[in-house]
């Protein structure tokens, strides 16, 4: 399990933005446009790191993303976020980003591959 994606999550709470960030392991199944994985807090995440959240989603052919985020904690409800996947190829490699929201929570994923 390679945590080679970075993520942030910002949640609106009483008019203020609470922000957390870390690394993610993301697995994609090209044949079905399905993505899934886990998120951990902070840098240097490994297979033994505590899981902050899990996600599973689908990317449409026009790059629209629907993703369900869930926690292992029983008192934290799952929620869905929506957005678009962006990819940019340059001489430095390929960058992929997702920016997803449900209106009060914003989640971003980013990955750069050389």
N, C-alpha and C. Protein backbone atom coordinates (compact mmCIF):
# COMPACT_ATOMS: atom_id res chain seq x y z
N UNK A 1 0.86 -1.17 0.00
CA UNK A 1 0.00 0.00 0.00
C UNK A 1 0.90 1.23 0.00
N UNK A 2 0.84 2.00 -1.06
CA UNK A 2 1.69 3.19 -1.21
C UNK A 2 0.84 4.45 -1.05
N UNK A 3 1.15 5.24 -0.04
CA UNK A 3 0.42 6.49 0.23
C UNK A 3 1.05 7.60 -0.61
N UNK A 4 0.73 7.63 -1.91
CA UNK A 4 1.37 8.59 -2.81
C UNK A 4 0.42 9.68 -3.30
N UNK A 5 -0.73 9.81 -2.68
CA UNK A 5 -1.65 10.92 -2.93
C UNK A 5 -1.64 11.81 -1.68
N UNK A 6 -1.84 13.10 -1.88
CA UNK A 6 -2.03 14.03 -0.77
C UNK A 6 -3.49 14.46 -0.75
N UNK A 7 -3.99 14.77 0.42
CA UNK A 7 -5.38 15.22 0.51
C UNK A 7 -5.51 16.31 1.57
N UNK A 8 -6.57 17.08 1.42
CA UNK A 8 -6.99 18.01 2.47
C UNK A 8 -8.50 17.91 2.60
N UNK A 9 -9.00 18.23 3.76
CA UNK A 9 -10.45 18.31 3.97
C UNK A 9 -10.72 19.54 4.81
N UNK A 10 -11.64 20.34 4.36
CA UNK A 10 -12.03 21.53 5.09
C UNK A 10 -13.54 21.46 5.34
N UNK A 11 -13.91 21.62 6.59
CA UNK A 11 -15.31 21.50 7.01
C UNK A 11 -15.75 22.83 7.62
N UNK A 12 -16.88 23.32 7.17
CA UNK A 12 -17.43 24.56 7.73
C UNK A 12 -18.09 24.21 9.07
N UNK A 13 -17.70 24.94 10.12
CA UNK A 13 -18.29 24.73 11.44
C UNK A 13 -18.51 26.09 12.08
N UNK A 14 -19.76 26.47 12.24
CA UNK A 14 -20.15 27.73 12.87
C UNK A 14 -19.43 28.93 12.25
N UNK A 15 -19.38 28.94 10.92
CA UNK A 15 -18.80 30.07 10.20
C UNK A 15 -17.29 30.05 10.08
N UNK A 16 -16.67 28.97 10.51
CA UNK A 16 -15.20 28.85 10.42
C UNK A 16 -14.86 27.58 9.65
N UNK A 17 -13.71 27.58 9.00
CA UNK A 17 -13.23 26.40 8.28
C UNK A 17 -12.26 25.63 9.16
N UNK A 18 -12.54 24.37 9.42
CA UNK A 18 -11.63 23.47 10.11
C UNK A 18 -10.92 22.65 9.03
N UNK A 19 -9.60 22.61 9.07
CA UNK A 19 -8.84 21.99 7.99
C UNK A 19 -7.98 20.84 8.53
N UNK A 20 -7.99 19.72 7.84
CA UNK A 20 -7.09 18.61 8.15
C UNK A 20 -6.47 18.15 6.83
N UNK A 21 -5.34 17.46 6.93
CA UNK A 21 -4.66 17.02 5.70
C UNK A 21 -3.82 15.79 5.99
N UNK A 22 -3.43 15.13 4.92
CA UNK A 22 -2.61 13.94 5.08
C UNK A 22 -2.30 13.30 3.75
N UNK A 23 -2.07 12.01 3.81
CA UNK A 23 -1.75 11.24 2.61
C UNK A 23 -2.81 10.16 2.42
N UNK A 24 -2.92 9.70 1.17
CA UNK A 24 -3.93 8.69 0.85
C UNK A 24 -3.35 7.61 -0.05
N UNK A 25 -3.90 6.43 0.11
CA UNK A 25 -3.69 5.33 -0.81
C UNK A 25 -4.94 5.28 -1.68
N UNK A 26 -4.77 5.36 -2.98
CA UNK A 26 -5.91 5.35 -3.90
C UNK A 26 -5.69 4.23 -4.91
N UNK A 27 -6.72 3.43 -5.09
CA UNK A 27 -6.68 2.33 -6.04
C UNK A 27 -7.77 2.57 -7.08
N UNK A 28 -7.42 2.43 -8.33
CA UNK A 28 -8.38 2.65 -9.42
C UNK A 28 -8.55 1.38 -10.23
N UNK A 29 -9.80 1.10 -10.58
CA UNK A 29 -10.11 0.00 -11.50
C UNK A 29 -10.57 0.64 -12.80
N UNK A 30 -9.68 0.68 -13.77
CA UNK A 30 -9.94 1.35 -15.05
C UNK A 30 -11.17 0.83 -15.77
N UNK A 31 -11.41 -0.47 -15.67
CA UNK A 31 -12.50 -1.05 -16.44
C UNK A 31 -13.88 -0.57 -15.97
N UNK A 32 -13.98 -0.13 -14.73
CA UNK A 32 -15.27 0.30 -14.19
C UNK A 32 -15.26 1.76 -13.72
N UNK A 33 -14.14 2.46 -13.88
CA UNK A 33 -14.01 3.85 -13.42
C UNK A 33 -14.29 3.98 -11.93
N UNK A 34 -13.89 2.98 -11.15
CA UNK A 34 -14.11 2.96 -9.71
C UNK A 34 -12.80 3.28 -9.00
N UNK A 35 -12.86 4.15 -7.99
CA UNK A 35 -11.71 4.45 -7.15
C UNK A 35 -12.08 4.14 -5.70
N UNK A 36 -11.10 3.69 -4.94
CA UNK A 36 -11.31 3.44 -3.52
C UNK A 36 -9.97 3.58 -2.82
N UNK A 37 -10.03 3.73 -1.51
CA UNK A 37 -8.79 3.84 -0.77
C UNK A 37 -9.00 4.28 0.66
N UNK A 38 -7.87 4.64 1.28
CA UNK A 38 -7.88 5.09 2.67
C UNK A 38 -7.08 6.37 2.80
N UNK A 39 -7.42 7.15 3.81
CA UNK A 39 -6.75 8.41 4.12
C UNK A 39 -6.17 8.31 5.52
N UNK A 40 -4.95 8.85 5.70
CA UNK A 40 -4.39 8.95 7.05
C UNK A 40 -3.95 10.39 7.27
N UNK A 41 -3.86 10.78 8.52
CA UNK A 41 -3.45 12.14 8.86
C UNK A 41 -1.95 12.29 8.80
N UNK A 42 -1.49 13.45 8.34
CA UNK A 42 -0.08 13.78 8.38
C UNK A 42 0.71 13.23 7.21
N UNK A 43 2.02 13.44 7.28
CA UNK A 43 2.95 12.98 6.25
C UNK A 43 3.61 11.69 6.72
N UNK A 44 4.17 10.97 5.79
CA UNK A 44 4.89 9.75 6.14
C UNK A 44 3.98 8.59 6.48
N UNK A 45 2.81 8.53 5.90
CA UNK A 45 1.88 7.45 6.19
C UNK A 45 2.39 6.12 5.63
N UNK A 46 2.13 5.06 6.35
CA UNK A 46 2.52 3.72 5.94
C UNK A 46 1.33 2.78 6.08
N UNK A 47 1.53 1.56 5.70
CA UNK A 47 0.50 0.53 5.82
C UNK A 47 0.04 0.37 7.27
N UNK A 48 0.90 0.70 8.23
CA UNK A 48 0.58 0.56 9.65
C UNK A 48 -0.05 1.81 10.27
N UNK A 49 -0.19 2.88 9.49
CA UNK A 49 -0.76 4.12 10.00
C UNK A 49 -2.25 3.94 10.32
N UNK A 50 -2.73 4.73 11.28
CA UNK A 50 -4.16 4.73 11.60
C UNK A 50 -4.95 5.28 10.43
N UNK A 51 -6.07 4.65 10.14
CA UNK A 51 -6.94 5.10 9.05
C UNK A 51 -7.81 6.24 9.57
N UNK A 52 -7.77 7.38 8.90
CA UNK A 52 -8.61 8.53 9.24
C UNK A 52 -9.98 8.37 8.60
N UNK A 53 -10.00 7.97 7.33
CA UNK A 53 -11.26 7.79 6.61
C UNK A 53 -11.02 6.83 5.44
N UNK A 54 -12.12 6.25 4.97
CA UNK A 54 -12.10 5.39 3.79
C UNK A 54 -12.97 6.05 2.73
N UNK A 55 -12.68 5.75 1.47
CA UNK A 55 -13.52 6.32 0.42
C UNK A 55 -13.69 5.34 -0.72
N UNK A 56 -14.81 5.48 -1.39
CA UNK A 56 -15.09 4.72 -2.60
C UNK A 56 -15.89 5.63 -3.51
N UNK A 57 -15.59 5.60 -4.79
CA UNK A 57 -16.28 6.51 -5.70
C UNK A 57 -16.24 6.01 -7.12
N UNK A 58 -16.88 6.79 -7.95
CA UNK A 58 -16.95 6.46 -9.37
C UNK A 58 -16.65 7.72 -10.17
N UNK A 59 -15.87 7.53 -11.24
CA UNK A 59 -15.54 8.62 -12.14
C UNK A 59 -16.22 8.34 -13.47
N UNK A 60 -17.00 9.28 -13.95
CA UNK A 60 -17.69 9.09 -15.23
C UNK A 60 -16.72 9.36 -16.39
N UNK A 61 -17.14 9.02 -17.58
CA UNK A 61 -16.28 9.24 -18.75
C UNK A 61 -15.97 10.71 -18.98
N UNK A 62 -16.83 11.62 -18.47
CA UNK A 62 -16.57 13.05 -18.62
C UNK A 62 -15.92 13.65 -17.37
N UNK A 63 -15.27 12.79 -16.56
CA UNK A 63 -14.46 13.19 -15.39
C UNK A 63 -15.26 13.66 -14.19
N UNK A 64 -16.56 13.46 -14.16
CA UNK A 64 -17.35 13.80 -12.97
C UNK A 64 -17.15 12.71 -11.92
N UNK A 65 -17.03 13.13 -10.66
CA UNK A 65 -16.72 12.20 -9.58
C UNK A 65 -17.82 12.25 -8.52
N UNK A 66 -18.24 11.09 -8.06
CA UNK A 66 -19.10 10.95 -6.89
C UNK A 66 -18.35 10.03 -5.94
N UNK A 67 -18.15 10.49 -4.70
CA UNK A 67 -17.35 9.71 -3.76
C UNK A 67 -18.04 9.68 -2.40
N UNK A 68 -18.05 8.50 -1.78
CA UNK A 68 -18.58 8.35 -0.43
C UNK A 68 -17.39 8.25 0.53
N UNK A 69 -17.42 9.09 1.56
CA UNK A 69 -16.37 9.12 2.58
C UNK A 69 -16.95 8.53 3.86
N UNK A 70 -16.23 7.62 4.49
CA UNK A 70 -16.72 7.02 5.73
C UNK A 70 -15.58 6.89 6.73
N UNK A 71 -15.95 6.84 7.98
CA UNK A 71 -14.99 6.72 9.08
C UNK A 71 -15.23 5.38 9.77
N UNK A 72 -14.18 4.85 10.42
CA UNK A 72 -14.34 3.64 11.22
C UNK A 72 -15.01 3.95 12.56
N UNK A 73 -15.10 5.22 12.90
CA UNK A 73 -15.74 5.61 14.16
C UNK A 73 -17.26 5.56 13.99
N UNK A 74 -17.93 4.91 14.90
CA UNK A 74 -19.37 4.71 14.80
C UNK A 74 -20.17 6.01 14.89
N UNK A 75 -19.63 7.02 15.58
CA UNK A 75 -20.39 8.26 15.78
C UNK A 75 -20.16 9.27 14.64
N UNK A 76 -19.41 8.89 13.61
CA UNK A 76 -19.14 9.79 12.48
C UNK A 76 -19.91 9.27 11.26
N UNK A 77 -20.91 10.03 10.80
CA UNK A 77 -21.71 9.54 9.66
C UNK A 77 -20.94 9.63 8.34
N UNK A 78 -21.26 8.73 7.43
CA UNK A 78 -20.71 8.78 6.07
C UNK A 78 -21.35 9.93 5.32
N UNK A 79 -20.68 10.42 4.29
CA UNK A 79 -21.26 11.48 3.47
C UNK A 79 -20.73 11.37 2.05
N UNK A 80 -21.46 11.95 1.11
CA UNK A 80 -21.05 11.95 -0.29
C UNK A 80 -20.62 13.33 -0.73
N UNK A 81 -19.58 13.36 -1.56
CA UNK A 81 -19.10 14.61 -2.15
C UNK A 81 -19.06 14.43 -3.67
N UNK A 82 -19.13 15.54 -4.36
CA UNK A 82 -19.21 15.53 -5.82
C UNK A 82 -18.23 16.54 -6.39
N UNK A 83 -17.77 16.29 -7.60
CA UNK A 83 -16.87 17.24 -8.23
C UNK A 83 -16.33 16.71 -9.54
N UNK A 84 -15.14 17.17 -9.89
CA UNK A 84 -14.53 16.84 -11.17
C UNK A 84 -13.08 16.43 -10.96
N UNK A 85 -12.64 15.46 -11.74
CA UNK A 85 -11.24 15.07 -11.76
C UNK A 85 -10.56 15.87 -12.86
N UNK A 86 -9.39 16.39 -12.56
CA UNK A 86 -8.60 17.13 -13.55
C UNK A 86 -7.27 16.43 -13.71
N UNK A 87 -6.78 16.36 -14.94
CA UNK A 87 -5.47 15.78 -15.23
C UNK A 87 -4.71 16.74 -16.13
N UNK A 88 -3.42 16.86 -15.88
CA UNK A 88 -2.57 17.73 -16.69
C UNK A 88 -1.27 17.00 -16.96
N UNK A 89 -0.94 16.88 -18.23
CA UNK A 89 0.31 16.22 -18.61
C UNK A 89 1.29 17.27 -19.10
N UNK A 90 2.53 17.19 -18.61
CA UNK A 90 3.58 18.11 -19.04
C UNK A 90 4.89 17.34 -19.13
N UNK A 91 5.97 18.03 -19.44
CA UNK A 91 7.27 17.38 -19.51
C UNK A 91 7.72 16.87 -18.14
N UNK A 92 7.12 17.37 -17.06
CA UNK A 92 7.45 16.94 -15.70
C UNK A 92 6.64 15.73 -15.24
N UNK A 93 5.70 15.28 -16.04
CA UNK A 93 4.88 14.13 -15.66
C UNK A 93 3.40 14.43 -15.79
N UNK A 94 2.62 13.66 -15.06
CA UNK A 94 1.16 13.80 -15.08
C UNK A 94 0.67 14.14 -13.68
N UNK A 95 -0.17 15.15 -13.58
CA UNK A 95 -0.78 15.53 -12.30
C UNK A 95 -2.27 15.24 -12.38
N UNK A 96 -2.80 14.64 -11.31
CA UNK A 96 -4.23 14.37 -11.20
C UNK A 96 -4.74 15.07 -9.95
N UNK A 97 -5.87 15.73 -10.05
CA UNK A 97 -6.50 16.35 -8.88
C UNK A 97 -7.99 16.10 -8.91
N UNK A 98 -8.56 15.99 -7.71
CA UNK A 98 -10.01 15.94 -7.51
C UNK A 98 -10.32 17.06 -6.53
N UNK A 99 -11.32 17.85 -6.79
CA UNK A 99 -11.83 18.81 -5.81
C UNK A 99 -13.32 18.49 -5.68
N UNK A 100 -13.72 18.06 -4.48
CA UNK A 100 -15.07 17.53 -4.26
C UNK A 100 -15.72 18.26 -3.10
N UNK A 101 -17.05 18.41 -3.17
CA UNK A 101 -17.76 19.10 -2.08
C UNK A 101 -19.19 18.60 -1.97
N UNK A 102 -19.76 18.80 -0.79
CA UNK A 102 -21.19 18.58 -0.59
C UNK A 102 -21.88 19.90 -0.19
N UNK A 103 -21.14 20.99 -0.25
CA UNK A 103 -21.67 22.30 0.10
C UNK A 103 -21.13 22.82 1.43
N UNK A 104 -20.80 21.92 2.36
CA UNK A 104 -20.23 22.36 3.64
C UNK A 104 -18.88 21.72 3.92
N UNK A 105 -18.52 20.70 3.16
CA UNK A 105 -17.24 20.03 3.28
C UNK A 105 -16.56 20.05 1.91
N UNK A 106 -15.27 20.37 1.89
CA UNK A 106 -14.49 20.37 0.65
C UNK A 106 -13.33 19.41 0.84
N UNK A 107 -13.16 18.50 -0.11
CA UNK A 107 -12.06 17.54 -0.07
C UNK A 107 -11.28 17.65 -1.36
N UNK A 108 -9.96 17.70 -1.25
CA UNK A 108 -9.11 17.71 -2.43
C UNK A 108 -8.11 16.58 -2.37
N UNK A 109 -7.89 15.93 -3.48
CA UNK A 109 -6.87 14.89 -3.62
C UNK A 109 -5.92 15.33 -4.73
N UNK A 110 -4.62 15.09 -4.56
CA UNK A 110 -3.65 15.45 -5.60
C UNK A 110 -2.57 14.38 -5.68
N UNK A 111 -2.11 14.14 -6.93
CA UNK A 111 -1.07 13.14 -7.17
C UNK A 111 -0.25 13.59 -8.37
N UNK A 112 1.07 13.44 -8.26
CA UNK A 112 1.96 13.76 -9.39
C UNK A 112 2.78 12.52 -9.69
N UNK A 113 2.80 12.15 -10.95
CA UNK A 113 3.52 10.97 -11.38
C UNK A 113 4.50 11.36 -12.49
N UNK A 114 5.76 11.01 -12.33
CA UNK A 114 6.77 11.35 -13.34
C UNK A 114 6.84 10.31 -14.42
